[in-house]
């Protein structure tokens, strides 16, 4: 299986047409068709459902599309890491959720880029599970995760920010106008929540007996999307405080106050490029002198 042929496959998958893909690849259509037929024979599956008007992926084709994107991304990282230059260059891939600690991460990135302008950064947004999976696959060099979690496979640096939990509510919410929200206040209020593991873990511990009486109407992992649900009256959003405001919505902190910690992680015993290792050393040096704050 050649990387070149995988690029051909992804072009057809993206365009939904052998003709359009062949034009973009500067190939004849018979040549492109022959290459992908050979790929299907090699794999022993049909990758496309072909018709006179369109080309769609089969289930096997959808799986190969995901794997091909991962393989090509890794191949690009290998090429960058093996390029020998006196000046640091290449791309550093970092994953993070929506945290206030991203402001600290952004400062680390900006300072490092100022010293090494040939280095580029790729930022991936997702929850802790997404980021851990991509670190394991080699698609991310490092990432910010929320504690608690299993960090036995990682080297890590604590981020110097306490992430505060609360609710995001619209003016019409029965919680609007409160200075703080206690577990009993959430009973009977429609809620848009975070992933189940957090509701059963840290937040569940804060909720106590009230956790069994909640009216959960939706779950999500991106604050903006959940904020739009709150803005349109679906419910109050359980979320972290962020340095941003949404028109018509107010953040109300939990009482007693509930905080989460975050850490910058990377795989133990992972061989990194000179550029990635330099960034991790930079992060370690900078974070060592910053004390925790509780916002």
Foldseek 3Di string as FASTA:
>chain_A
DDLVLLVLLLLCQVVQDLCVSCVVVVHDSVVSVVSVVVVCVVVVHDQWDDDPPGIHGDPVVVVSNVVSVLVVLVVQQVVQLPDDDPADADEAEEEEEAFQLVVVVVVLVVVLCVVRVRYYYHYHYDAQVVRVVCLVSVNHQKYKHWDDDDCVFKDKDWRQEWWWKFKKAFCPFPCPPDQADALVNQQPWEEEEEDPVCCVPQVVVRNDPSSVRHHYDYYDRHPVVVNVCRNVPRTIYIDTDHPDDDPRMDTHTHPVIGTIIMIMIHGPPDDGRPNSVVSVVSVVVVRVPRHHDHD
